[in-house]
Amino acid sequence: MDKSPNILVPRLFITPTAHNKARTAEELFIATDAYLNSLTLHTRAHLNVDRGCDKGWNLHEHGIVMVWRDELAEFDERYKTFCNETAYRIRVGNINASIGNIQVRDFDEALILQAFNYLGNHEAIPEQYNRQVYCSNRYARCKKDKHICRYDKNNPIRLKGRLK
């Protein structure tokens, strides 16, 4: 296996599910995005996430969370103290409301092709809700060039509001 630091390693397989269609797909996408943002802030790792959804009677998403090899050790150490259920909430008015459940499993690399094929069978997340790269913006290397992270140079969603 290649030991280059510029390799993405699949770490988690996530399945956020809305409560009995009581929530909209947009709320599910926003809650999943907030969860992934909390995860990157807690672990201090850059996350690369591929997501897909099913908007049928069982509204849910699937996602493969990947981490850069050079940040893997810190991600694994800090992930041990991350609470998935607490992080998976959406702000509604003045309260935090649970919009559903999230199932998080360690990624089985033996099933990598099946996982990406399964994800490909789901509908794409709309572009305005689908950041592929999540950056905690905690490192000097991320703050150079007007807050453009080296992992996230072409992601306009993360840059929104930061450039004049």
Protein backbone atom coordinates (compact mmCIF):
# COMPACT_ATOMS: atom_id res chain seq x y z
CA MET A 1 0.00 0.00 0.00
CA ASP A 2 1.22 3.52 -0.84
CA LYS A 3 2.38 5.47 2.25
CA SER A 4 2.23 8.91 0.58
CA PRO A 5 0.63 11.63 2.78
CA ASN A 6 -1.45 12.76 -0.21
CA ILE A 7 -3.63 9.65 -0.18
CA LEU A 8 -7.21 9.67 1.11
CA VAL A 9 -8.08 6.81 3.45
CA PRO A 10 -11.77 5.87 3.92
CA ARG A 11 -12.48 5.93 7.68
CA LEU A 12 -16.24 6.03 8.31
CA PHE A 13 -19.45 5.02 6.57
CA ILE A 14 -22.33 7.22 7.76
CA THR A 15 -26.07 6.77 7.33
CA PRO A 16 -28.16 9.76 8.51
CA THR A 17 -31.89 8.98 8.50
CA ALA A 18 -34.81 11.40 9.03
CA HIS A 19 -37.68 10.59 11.41
CA ASN A 20 -40.58 9.06 9.45
CA LYS A 21 -40.56 11.60 6.63
CA ALA A 22 -41.48 14.26 9.23
CA ARG A 23 -38.54 16.32 7.98
CA THR A 24 -37.64 17.58 4.55
CA ALA A 25 -34.66 16.44 2.53
CA GLU A 26 -33.21 19.96 2.87
CA GLU A 27 -33.24 19.66 6.69
CA LEU A 28 -31.51 16.29 6.44
CA PHE A 29 -28.81 17.74 4.17
CA ILE A 30 -28.26 20.72 6.50
CA ALA A 31 -28.06 18.49 9.59
CA THR A 32 -25.59 16.14 7.89
CA ASP A 33 -23.47 19.08 6.78
CA ALA A 34 -23.47 20.45 10.36
CA TYR A 35 -22.53 17.00 11.69
CA LEU A 36 -19.59 16.75 9.30
CA ASN A 37 -18.49 20.27 10.19
CA SER A 38 -18.58 19.34 13.92
CA LEU A 39 -16.58 16.22 13.15
CA THR A 40 -13.85 18.14 11.34
CA LEU A 41 -13.67 20.78 14.09
CA HIS A 42 -13.41 18.12 16.80
CA THR A 43 -10.87 15.91 15.06
CA ARG A 44 -8.91 18.80 13.49
CA ALA A 45 -8.59 16.74 10.32
CA HIS A 46 -9.50 17.58 6.76
CA LEU A 47 -12.38 15.37 5.70
CA ASN A 48 -13.25 14.46 2.14
CA VAL A 49 -16.83 13.17 1.98
CA ASP A 50 -18.79 11.49 -0.82
CA ARG A 51 -22.54 11.55 -0.17
CA GLY A 52 -25.70 10.23 -1.80
CA CYS A 53 -29.37 10.25 -0.74
CA ASP A 54 -32.65 8.42 -1.13
CA LYS A 55 -35.67 10.75 -1.02
CA GLY A 56 -38.22 7.95 -1.01
CA TRP A 57 -40.46 6.93 1.90
CA ASN A 58 -37.31 6.24 3.97
CA LEU A 59 -35.50 9.58 3.69
CA HIS A 60 -31.81 8.93 4.29
CA GLU A 61 -28.26 9.58 3.12
CA HIS A 62 -25.10 7.56 2.91
CA GLY A 63 -21.63 9.00 3.09
CA ILE A 64 -18.05 7.81 2.97
CA VAL A 65 -15.79 9.94 5.16
CA MET A 66 -12.16 9.94 4.06
CA VAL A 67 -9.13 11.41 5.84
CA TRP A 68 -5.73 12.36 4.42
CA ARG A 69 -3.09 9.82 5.43
CA ASP A 70 -0.87 12.45 7.13
CA GLU A 71 -3.78 13.40 9.46
CA LEU A 72 -4.99 9.89 10.16
CA ALA A 73 -3.32 9.36 13.54
CA GLU A 74 -4.73 12.58 15.00
CA PHE A 75 -8.17 11.85 13.54
CA ASP A 76 -8.24 8.36 15.09
CA GLU A 77 -7.10 9.67 18.49
CA ARG A 78 -9.56 12.56 18.65
CA TYR A 79 -12.50 10.63 17.13
CA LYS A 80 -12.58 8.42 20.24
CA THR A 81 -14.00 11.37 22.22
CA PHE A 82 -16.54 12.49 19.58
CA CYS A 83 -20.23 11.90 20.35
CA ASN A 84 -22.08 11.18 17.09
CA GLU A 85 -25.64 11.50 18.45
CA THR A 86 -25.03 14.86 20.13
CA ALA A 87 -23.39 16.29 17.03
CA TYR A 88 -26.25 15.19 14.76
CA ARG A 89 -28.78 17.88 15.56
CA ILE A 90 -30.23 20.84 13.71
CA ARG A 91 -30.96 24.28 15.12
CA VAL A 92 -34.69 25.08 14.94
CA GLY A 93 -35.47 28.50 16.37
CA ASN A 94 -33.91 28.67 19.81
CA ILE A 95 -33.68 24.93 20.40
CA ASN A 96 -31.57 22.10 19.11
CA ALA A 97 -33.87 19.48 17.64
CA SER A 98 -33.13 15.93 16.65
CA ILE A 99 -34.19 15.43 13.06
CA GLY A 100 -33.38 11.75 12.98
CA ASN A 101 -30.69 9.22 13.68
CA ILE A 102 -27.20 8.73 12.38
CA GLN A 103 -25.51 5.38 12.13
CA VAL A 104 -21.72 5.56 11.95
CA ARG A 105 -19.60 2.52 11.17
CA ASP A 106 -15.90 2.03 10.72
CA PHE A 107 -15.17 1.69 7.03
CA ASP A 108 -14.32 -1.84 5.90
CA GLU A 109 -11.63 -1.39 3.23
CA ALA A 110 -12.29 -4.91 1.93
CA LEU A 111 -15.67 -3.61 0.71
CA ILE A 112 -14.40 -0.38 -0.88
CA LEU A 113 -15.71 -1.10 -4.40
CA GLN A 114 -19.11 -2.23 -3.15
CA ALA A 115 -19.39 0.86 -0.91
CA PHE A 116 -18.70 3.31 -3.73
CA ASN A 117 -21.00 1.39 -6.11
CA TYR A 118 -23.78 1.43 -3.49
CA LEU A 119 -23.27 5.17 -2.98
CA GLY A 120 -23.40 5.67 -6.75
CA ASN A 121 -26.86 4.06 -6.83
CA HIS A 122 -28.21 6.92 -4.70
CA GLU A 123 -29.27 10.37 -5.86
CA ALA A 124 -26.63 13.09 -5.72
CA ILE A 125 -26.89 15.66 -2.94
CA PRO A 126 -27.74 19.12 -4.36
CA GLU A 127 -24.60 21.19 -4.85
CA GLN A 128 -25.57 23.91 -2.36
CA TYR A 129 -25.64 21.31 0.46
CA ASN A 130 -22.71 19.17 -0.61
CA ARG A 131 -19.28 20.37 0.47
CA GLN A 132 -16.89 17.64 -0.47
CA VAL A 133 -14.01 18.93 1.66
CA TYR A 134 -14.38 19.97 5.31
CA CYS A 135 -11.58 22.04 6.87
CA SER A 136 -11.33 23.14 10.50
CA ASN A 137 -9.17 26.11 9.41
CA ARG A 138 -6.96 25.62 12.49
CA TYR A 139 -3.61 25.23 10.80
CA ALA A 140 -1.33 27.92 9.35
CA ARG A 141 -1.21 25.94 6.11
CA CYS A 142 -4.98 26.50 5.79
CA LYS A 143 -4.83 30.22 6.44
CA LYS A 144 -2.44 31.21 3.68
CA ASP A 145 -3.76 32.96 0.56
CA LYS A 146 -6.83 34.54 2.18
CA HIS A 147 -8.00 31.45 4.06
CA ILE A 148 -7.76 29.05 1.14
CA CYS A 149 -6.84 25.66 2.48
CA ARG A 150 -4.39 23.53 0.49
CA TYR A 151 -6.94 20.68 0.50
CA ASP A 152 -9.85 22.90 -0.48
CA LYS A 153 -8.60 25.37 -3.09
CA ASN A 154 -11.60 25.12 -5.40
CA ASN A 155 -14.47 24.90 -2.91
CA PRO A 156 -16.53 28.12 -3.18
CA ILE A 157 -18.94 27.08 -0.39
CA ARG A 158 -16.23 27.14 2.25
CA LEU A 159 -14.88 30.44 0.93
CA LYS A 160 -18.27 32.18 0.94
CA GLY A 161 -18.08 35.38 2.96
CA ARG A 162 -14.31 35.20 3.47
CA LEU A 163 -13.13 36.91 0.31
CA LYS A 164 -13.81 40.53 -0.56
